[in-house]
Structure formats: C-alpha cells, structure tokens
Amino acid sequence: MRDLKTYLSVAPVISTLWFGSLAGLLIEINRFFPDALTFPFFFHFSY
C-alpha cells in the first residue's frame, strides 16, 4: 500500500515536468518558426 501511495505522489510531479518542458519546447519552436507548416531543419531540399 505504501508503494501505491509513493507512485500516486510521484506520477503527477513527473507528468507536470514532462508536459511543462514539452510546452516550452513547442513555444520556442513557434517563436523561431512562426506559422510554419513544414520546418526547414527537417527538410533539406528546395522546390
């Protein structure tokens, strides 16, 4: 039972850190490449 309480107290902290860092990464990508449908560093060919 103590292991379950430990898991339930650790999982929200880890998920909050994960989603917070993911949101920060997406915000920074959108700051450097606003309104991009394709990101130029993924595709190295030109049309």
C-alpha atoms as a PDB file:
ATOM      1  CA  MET A   1       0.000   0.000   0.000  1.00  0.00           C
ATOM      2  CA  ARG A   2       2.894   2.345   0.731  1.00  0.00           C
ATOM      3  CA  ASP A   3       4.310   1.737  -2.762  1.00  0.00           C
ATOM      4  CA  LEU A   4       0.973   2.737  -4.295  1.00  0.00           C
ATOM      5  CA  LYS A   5       0.937   5.988  -2.310  1.00  0.00           C
ATOM      6  CA  THR A   6       4.510   6.702  -3.420  1.00  0.00           C
ATOM      7  CA  TYR A   7       3.563   6.081  -7.058  1.00  0.00           C
ATOM      8  CA  LEU A   8       0.495   8.296  -6.841  1.00  0.00           C
ATOM      9  CA  SER A   9       2.555  11.131  -5.384  1.00  0.00           C
ATOM     10  CA  VAL A  10       5.427  10.853  -7.903  1.00  0.00           C
ATOM     11  CA  ALA A  11       3.440  10.433 -11.147  1.00  0.00           C
ATOM     12  CA  PRO A  12       1.794  13.911 -11.111  1.00  0.00           C
ATOM     13  CA  VAL A  13       5.147  15.578 -10.481  1.00  0.00           C
ATOM     14  CA  ILE A  14       6.843  13.741 -13.349  1.00  0.00           C
ATOM     15  CA  SER A  15       3.947  14.380 -15.739  1.00  0.00           C
ATOM     16  CA  THR A  16       3.853  18.079 -14.808  1.00  0.00           C
ATOM     17  CA  LEU A  17       7.577  18.430 -15.513  1.00  0.00           C
ATOM     18  CA  TRP A  18       7.236  16.499 -18.788  1.00  0.00           C
ATOM     19  CA  PHE A  19       4.273  18.496 -20.118  1.00  0.00           C
ATOM     20  CA  GLY A  20       5.796  21.767 -18.951  1.00  0.00           C
ATOM     21  CA  SER A  21       9.040  21.093 -20.810  1.00  0.00           C
ATOM     22  CA  LEU A  22       7.118  19.938 -23.890  1.00  0.00           C
ATOM     23  CA  ALA A  23       5.043  23.136 -23.868  1.00  0.00           C
ATOM     24  CA  GLY A  24       8.200  25.227 -23.515  1.00  0.00           C
ATOM     25  CA  LEU A  25       9.803  23.422 -26.447  1.00  0.00           C
ATOM     26  CA  LEU A  26       6.753  23.986 -28.643  1.00  0.00           C
ATOM     27  CA  ILE A  27       6.631  27.668 -27.666  1.00  0.00           C
ATOM     28  CA  GLU A  28      10.292  28.140 -28.570  1.00  0.00           C
ATOM     29  CA  ILE A  29       9.877  26.367 -31.927  1.00  0.00           C
ATOM     30  CA  ASN A  30       6.902  28.597 -32.719  1.00  0.00           C
ATOM     31  CA  ARG A  31       8.913  31.656 -31.703  1.00  0.00           C
ATOM     32  CA  PHE A  32      11.692  30.877 -34.193  1.00  0.00           C
ATOM     33  CA  PHE A  33       9.428  29.474 -36.946  1.00  0.00           C
ATOM     34  CA  PRO A  34       6.032  31.204 -36.653  1.00  0.00           C
ATOM     35  CA  ASP A  35       3.095  29.714 -38.572  1.00  0.00           C
ATOM     36  CA  ALA A  36       5.278  27.037 -40.154  1.00  0.00           C
ATOM     37  CA  LEU A  37       3.571  24.096 -41.791  1.00  0.00           C
ATOM     38  CA  THR A  38       6.936  22.480 -42.549  1.00  0.00           C
ATOM     39  CA  PHE A  39      10.042  23.132 -40.504  1.00  0.00           C
ATOM     40  CA  PRO A  40      13.110  23.997 -42.596  1.00  0.00           C
ATOM     41  CA  PHE A  41      15.550  22.000 -40.468  1.00  0.00           C
ATOM     42  CA  PHE A  42      13.653  18.764 -41.185  1.00  0.00           C
ATOM     43  CA  PHE A  43      13.656  19.130 -44.968  1.00  0.00           C
ATOM     44  CA  HIS A  44      16.881  19.988 -46.790  1.00  0.00           C
ATOM     45  CA  PHE A  45      15.540  20.029 -50.337  1.00  0.00           C
ATOM     46  CA  SER A  46      14.146  23.028 -52.170  1.00  0.00           C
ATOM     47  CA  TYR A  47      11.195  23.212 -54.539  1.00  0.00           C
END
